[in-house]
């Protein structure tokens, strides 16, 4: 995937079925892109468990305030639309910041090869647009956080 000049991105791919959920990256992660299949109109149980772990400890949870984008592929007619709706509900509960607007979902067999690489030019364009929109949104969220911190009274001020 090509990025606009000046953009860099470090990506860590985590296959949850082979990963100890407790060792997921913590506060140092800038953002999270979740690509999920859909199981029985929802997300896989291992992803629910990862979100549960990411919501703790209260007040210092790694998902709190974290920008998150959603995408997925499934063999069903509606791709992962229902799983992503489920994810939006869970992520809202843990106070993650889910990228607004439409998410991306596809029928897996039509858009990806056996190694899960985009096999269709239209899919590559949609993925690139999603990543660009997500990167711009992360920048806006970080700027808003910085402005809020700058306007906040010092912690030592009592009301």
C-alpha atoms as a PDB file:
ATOM      1  CA  UNK A   1       0.000   0.000   0.000  1.00  0.00           C
ATOM      2  CA  UNK A   2       1.362   3.434  -0.882  1.00  0.00           C
ATOM      3  CA  UNK A   3       1.064   6.331   1.527  1.00  0.00           C
ATOM      4  CA  UNK A   4       1.317  10.052   0.754  1.00  0.00           C
ATOM      5  CA  UNK A   5       4.852  11.398   1.008  1.00  0.00           C
ATOM      6  CA  UNK A   6       5.903  12.109   4.562  1.00  0.00           C
ATOM      7  CA  UNK A   7       3.582   9.509   6.091  1.00  0.00           C
ATOM      8  CA  UNK A   8       5.050   6.624   7.971  1.00  0.00           C
ATOM      9  CA  UNK A   9       3.276   3.848   9.726  1.00  0.00           C
ATOM     10  CA  UNK A  10       4.451   1.031  11.964  1.00  0.00           C
ATOM     11  CA  UNK A  11       2.021  -1.853  11.854  1.00  0.00           C
ATOM     12  CA  UNK A  12       1.803  -4.756  14.240  1.00  0.00           C
ATOM     13  CA  UNK A  13      -0.486  -7.547  13.090  1.00  0.00           C
ATOM     14  CA  UNK A  14      -1.908  -9.563  15.938  1.00  0.00           C
ATOM     15  CA  UNK A  15      -3.663 -12.830  15.195  1.00  0.00           C
ATOM     16  CA  UNK A  16      -5.617 -13.179  18.408  1.00  0.00           C
ATOM     17  CA  UNK A  17      -6.181 -16.894  18.096  1.00  0.00           C
ATOM     18  CA  UNK A  18      -2.401 -17.357  18.462  1.00  0.00           C
ATOM     19  CA  UNK A  19      -1.671 -14.541  20.861  1.00  0.00           C
ATOM     20  CA  UNK A  20      -1.798 -14.161  24.601  1.00  0.00           C
ATOM     21  CA  UNK A  21      -4.338 -11.384  24.969  1.00  0.00           C
ATOM     22  CA  UNK A  22      -2.778 -10.043  28.179  1.00  0.00           C
ATOM     23  CA  UNK A  23       0.376  -9.085  26.263  1.00  0.00           C
ATOM     24  CA  UNK A  24      -1.353  -6.785  23.764  1.00  0.00           C
ATOM     25  CA  UNK A  25       0.375  -3.381  23.430  1.00  0.00           C
ATOM     26  CA  UNK A  26      -0.679  -0.952  26.108  1.00  0.00           C
ATOM     27  CA  UNK A  27      -0.793   2.841  26.273  1.00  0.00           C
ATOM     28  CA  UNK A  28       2.025   3.328  23.766  1.00  0.00           C
ATOM     29  CA  UNK A  29      -0.112   2.335  20.781  1.00  0.00           C
ATOM     30  CA  UNK A  30      -1.226   5.393  18.812  1.00  0.00           C
ATOM     31  CA  UNK A  31      -4.361   3.847  17.326  1.00  0.00           C
ATOM     32  CA  UNK A  32      -5.963   0.512  16.563  1.00  0.00           C
ATOM     33  CA  UNK A  33      -7.334  -0.890  13.313  1.00  0.00           C
ATOM     34  CA  UNK A  34      -9.539  -3.912  13.915  1.00  0.00           C
ATOM     35  CA  UNK A  35     -10.167  -6.278  11.001  1.00  0.00           C
ATOM     36  CA  UNK A  36     -12.656  -8.940  12.024  1.00  0.00           C
ATOM     37  CA  UNK A  37     -14.673 -11.762  10.570  1.00  0.00           C
ATOM     38  CA  UNK A  38     -18.328 -12.129  11.530  1.00  0.00           C
ATOM     39  CA  UNK A  39     -19.520 -15.112  13.556  1.00  0.00           C
ATOM     40  CA  UNK A  40     -23.247 -15.594  14.193  1.00  0.00           C
ATOM     41  CA  UNK A  41     -24.020 -11.910  13.558  1.00  0.00           C
ATOM     42  CA  UNK A  42     -21.318 -10.742  15.971  1.00  0.00           C
ATOM     43  CA  UNK A  43     -17.599 -10.687  16.634  1.00  0.00           C
ATOM     44  CA  UNK A  44     -15.452 -13.698  17.569  1.00  0.00           C
ATOM     45  CA  UNK A  45     -15.245 -14.464  21.280  1.00  0.00           C
ATOM     46  CA  UNK A  46     -11.482 -13.929  21.347  1.00  0.00           C
ATOM     47  CA  UNK A  47     -11.999 -10.337  20.152  1.00  0.00           C
ATOM     48  CA  UNK A  48     -14.570  -9.769  22.919  1.00  0.00           C
ATOM     49  CA  UNK A  49     -11.976 -11.042  25.395  1.00  0.00           C
ATOM     50  CA  UNK A  50      -9.315  -8.706  23.964  1.00  0.00           C
ATOM     51  CA  UNK A  51     -11.677  -5.732  24.337  1.00  0.00           C
ATOM     52  CA  UNK A  52     -12.428  -6.809  27.912  1.00  0.00           C
ATOM     53  CA  UNK A  53      -8.697  -6.842  28.686  1.00  0.00           C
ATOM     54  CA  UNK A  54      -8.247  -3.501  26.894  1.00  0.00           C
ATOM     55  CA  UNK A  55     -10.902  -1.912  29.120  1.00  0.00           C
ATOM     56  CA  UNK A  56      -8.923  -2.505  32.319  1.00  0.00           C
ATOM     57  CA  UNK A  57      -7.785  -1.126  34.697  1.00  0.00           C
ATOM     58  CA  UNK A  58     -10.471   1.549  35.053  1.00  0.00           C
ATOM     59  CA  UNK A  59      -9.045   5.027  34.586  1.00  0.00           C
ATOM     60  CA  UNK A  60      -5.906   3.766  32.854  1.00  0.00           C
ATOM     61  CA  UNK A  61      -7.274   1.295  30.304  1.00  0.00           C
ATOM     62  CA  UNK A  62      -5.349   1.162  27.014  1.00  0.00           C
ATOM     63  CA  UNK A  63      -8.538   1.457  24.933  1.00  0.00           C
ATOM     64  CA  UNK A  64      -9.886   4.526  26.737  1.00  0.00           C
ATOM     65  CA  UNK A  65      -9.696   7.459  24.322  1.00  0.00           C
ATOM     66  CA  UNK A  66      -7.886   5.349  21.718  1.00  0.00           C
ATOM     67  CA  UNK A  67      -8.772   6.007  18.048  1.00  0.00           C
ATOM     68  CA  UNK A  68     -10.104   2.813  16.457  1.00  0.00           C
ATOM     69  CA  UNK A  69     -11.072   2.031  12.856  1.00  0.00           C
ATOM     70  CA  UNK A  70     -13.058  -1.027  11.824  1.00  0.00           C
ATOM     71  CA  UNK A  71     -13.023  -3.275   8.781  1.00  0.00           C
ATOM     72  CA  UNK A  72     -13.661  -6.888   7.989  1.00  0.00           C
ATOM     73  CA  UNK A  73     -14.398  -9.615   5.491  1.00  0.00           C
ATOM     74  CA  UNK A  74     -16.779 -12.525   5.664  1.00  0.00           C
ATOM     75  CA  UNK A  75     -18.409 -14.977   3.264  1.00  0.00           C
ATOM     76  CA  UNK A  76     -21.904 -13.677   4.145  1.00  0.00           C
ATOM     77  CA  UNK A  77     -23.928 -11.392   1.870  1.00  0.00           C
ATOM     78  CA  UNK A  78     -23.518  -8.410   4.219  1.00  0.00           C
ATOM     79  CA  UNK A  79     -19.836  -8.962   4.961  1.00  0.00           C
ATOM     80  CA  UNK A  80     -19.143  -7.935   8.543  1.00  0.00           C
ATOM     81  CA  UNK A  81     -21.714  -5.147   8.921  1.00  0.00           C
ATOM     82  CA  UNK A  82     -23.359  -6.757  11.961  1.00  0.00           C
ATOM     83  CA  UNK A  83     -20.024  -7.588  13.600  1.00  0.00           C
ATOM     84  CA  UNK A  84     -18.909  -3.985  13.178  1.00  0.00           C
ATOM     85  CA  UNK A  85     -22.131  -2.704  14.726  1.00  0.00           C
ATOM     86  CA  UNK A  86     -21.462  -5.039  17.661  1.00  0.00           C
ATOM     87  CA  UNK A  87     -17.890  -3.701  17.876  1.00  0.00           C
ATOM     88  CA  UNK A  88     -19.058  -0.074  17.851  1.00  0.00           C
ATOM     89  CA  UNK A  89     -21.316  -0.828  20.827  1.00  0.00           C
ATOM     90  CA  UNK A  90     -18.537  -2.526  22.801  1.00  0.00           C
ATOM     91  CA  UNK A  91     -15.924   0.121  21.971  1.00  0.00           C
ATOM     92  CA  UNK A  92     -18.318   2.911  22.934  1.00  0.00           C
ATOM     93  CA  UNK A  93     -18.822   1.254  26.305  1.00  0.00           C
ATOM     94  CA  UNK A  94     -15.048   1.228  26.966  1.00  0.00           C
ATOM     95  CA  UNK A  95     -14.725   4.858  25.732  1.00  0.00           C
ATOM     96  CA  UNK A  96     -12.607   4.110  22.679  1.00  0.00           C
ATOM     97  CA  UNK A  97     -13.007   6.647  19.852  1.00  0.00           C
ATOM     98  CA  UNK A  98     -14.354   4.747  16.875  1.00  0.00           C
ATOM     99  CA  UNK A  99     -13.789   6.366  13.480  1.00  0.00           C
ATOM    100  CA  UNK A 100     -17.129   7.888  12.474  1.00  0.00           C
ATOM    101  CA  UNK A 101     -18.706   7.289   9.134  1.00  0.00           C
ATOM    102  CA  UNK A 102     -18.930   4.170   7.058  1.00  0.00           C
ATOM    103  CA  UNK A 103     -16.697   1.229   7.815  1.00  0.00           C
ATOM    104  CA  UNK A 104     -15.394  -1.184   5.229  1.00  0.00           C
ATOM    105  CA  UNK A 105     -16.633  -4.736   4.842  1.00  0.00           C
ATOM    106  CA  UNK A 106     -16.429  -7.247   2.052  1.00  0.00           C
ATOM    107  CA  UNK A 107     -17.285 -10.728   1.033  1.00  0.00           C
ATOM    108  CA  UNK A 108     -13.929 -12.419   1.589  1.00  0.00           C
ATOM    109  CA  UNK A 109     -13.853 -14.770  -1.400  1.00  0.00           C
ATOM    110  CA  UNK A 110     -14.486 -11.978  -3.868  1.00  0.00           C
ATOM    111  CA  UNK A 111     -11.952  -9.453  -2.594  1.00  0.00           C
ATOM    112  CA  UNK A 112      -9.009 -11.249  -0.939  1.00  0.00           C
ATOM    113  CA  UNK A 113      -6.608 -14.030  -1.889  1.00  0.00           C
ATOM    114  CA  UNK A 114      -5.701 -17.035   0.285  1.00  0.00           C
ATOM    115  CA  UNK A 115      -3.100 -14.969   2.196  1.00  0.00           C
ATOM    116  CA  UNK A 116      -5.781 -12.319   2.915  1.00  0.00           C
ATOM    117  CA  UNK A 117      -4.162  -9.761   0.608  1.00  0.00           C
ATOM    118  CA  UNK A 118      -6.495  -7.516  -1.402  1.00  0.00           C
ATOM    119  CA  UNK A 119      -6.919  -9.228  -4.764  1.00  0.00           C
ATOM    120  CA  UNK A 120      -9.155  -6.616  -6.368  1.00  0.00           C
ATOM    121  CA  UNK A 121      -8.096  -3.103  -7.427  1.00  0.00           C
ATOM    122  CA  UNK A 122     -11.309  -1.562  -6.102  1.00  0.00           C
ATOM    123  CA  UNK A 123     -10.676  -3.146  -2.704  1.00  0.00           C
ATOM    124  CA  UNK A 124      -7.144  -1.724  -2.629  1.00  0.00           C
ATOM    125  CA  UNK A 125      -8.532   1.755  -3.374  1.00  0.00           C
ATOM    126  CA  UNK A 126     -11.158   1.466  -0.634  1.00  0.00           C
ATOM    127  CA  UNK A 127      -8.533   0.254   1.866  1.00  0.00           C
ATOM    128  CA  UNK A 128      -6.177   3.095   0.945  1.00  0.00           C
ATOM    129  CA  UNK A 129      -8.990   5.634   1.365  1.00  0.00           C
ATOM    130  CA  UNK A 130      -9.930   4.145   4.753  1.00  0.00           C
ATOM    131  CA  UNK A 131      -6.319   4.326   5.964  1.00  0.00           C
ATOM    132  CA  UNK A 132      -5.918   7.929   4.773  1.00  0.00           C
ATOM    133  CA  UNK A 133      -9.189   8.954   6.446  1.00  0.00           C
ATOM    134  CA  UNK A 134      -8.122   7.155   9.634  1.00  0.00           C
ATOM    135  CA  UNK A 135      -4.688   8.850   9.636  1.00  0.00           C
ATOM    136  CA  UNK A 136      -6.254  12.313   9.213  1.00  0.00           C
ATOM    137  CA  UNK A 137      -8.754  11.550  11.971  1.00  0.00           C
ATOM    138  CA  UNK A 138      -5.980  10.383  14.338  1.00  0.00           C
ATOM    139  CA  UNK A 139      -4.157  13.684  13.720  1.00  0.00           C
ATOM    140  CA  UNK A 140      -7.345  15.663  14.492  1.00  0.00           C
ATOM    141  CA  UNK A 141      -8.014  13.646  17.655  1.00  0.00           C
ATOM    142  CA  UNK A 142      -4.435  14.155  18.881  1.00  0.00           C
ATOM    143  CA  UNK A 143      -4.656  17.908  18.194  1.00  0.00           C
ATOM    144  CA  UNK A 144      -7.966  18.107  20.083  1.00  0.00           C
ATOM    145  CA  UNK A 145      -6.438  16.219  23.022  1.00  0.00           C
ATOM    146  CA  UNK A 146      -3.436  18.565  23.070  1.00  0.00           C
ATOM    147  CA  UNK A 147      -5.722  21.619  23.019  1.00  0.00           C
ATOM    148  CA  UNK A 148      -7.846  20.201  25.855  1.00  0.00           C
ATOM    149  CA  UNK A 149      -4.724  19.542  27.952  1.00  0.00           C
ATOM    150  CA  UNK A 150      -3.461  23.080  27.280  1.00  0.00           C
ATOM    151  CA  UNK A 151      -6.773  24.599  28.409  1.00  0.00           C
ATOM    152  CA  UNK A 152      -7.184  22.389  31.461  1.00  0.00           C
ATOM    153  CA  UNK A 153      -6.392  23.954  34.829  1.00  0.00           C
ATOM    154  CA  UNK A 154      -3.308  22.615  36.587  1.00  0.00           C
ATOM    155  CA  UNK A 155      -3.955  19.497  38.636  1.00  0.00           C
ATOM    156  CA  UNK A 156      -2.995  21.338  41.833  1.00  0.00           C
ATOM    157  CA  UNK A 157      -5.797  23.917  41.486  1.00  0.00           C
ATOM    158  CA  UNK A 158      -8.677  23.147  43.850  1.00  0.00           C
ATOM    159  CA  UNK A 159     -12.216  24.262  43.103  1.00  0.00           C
END
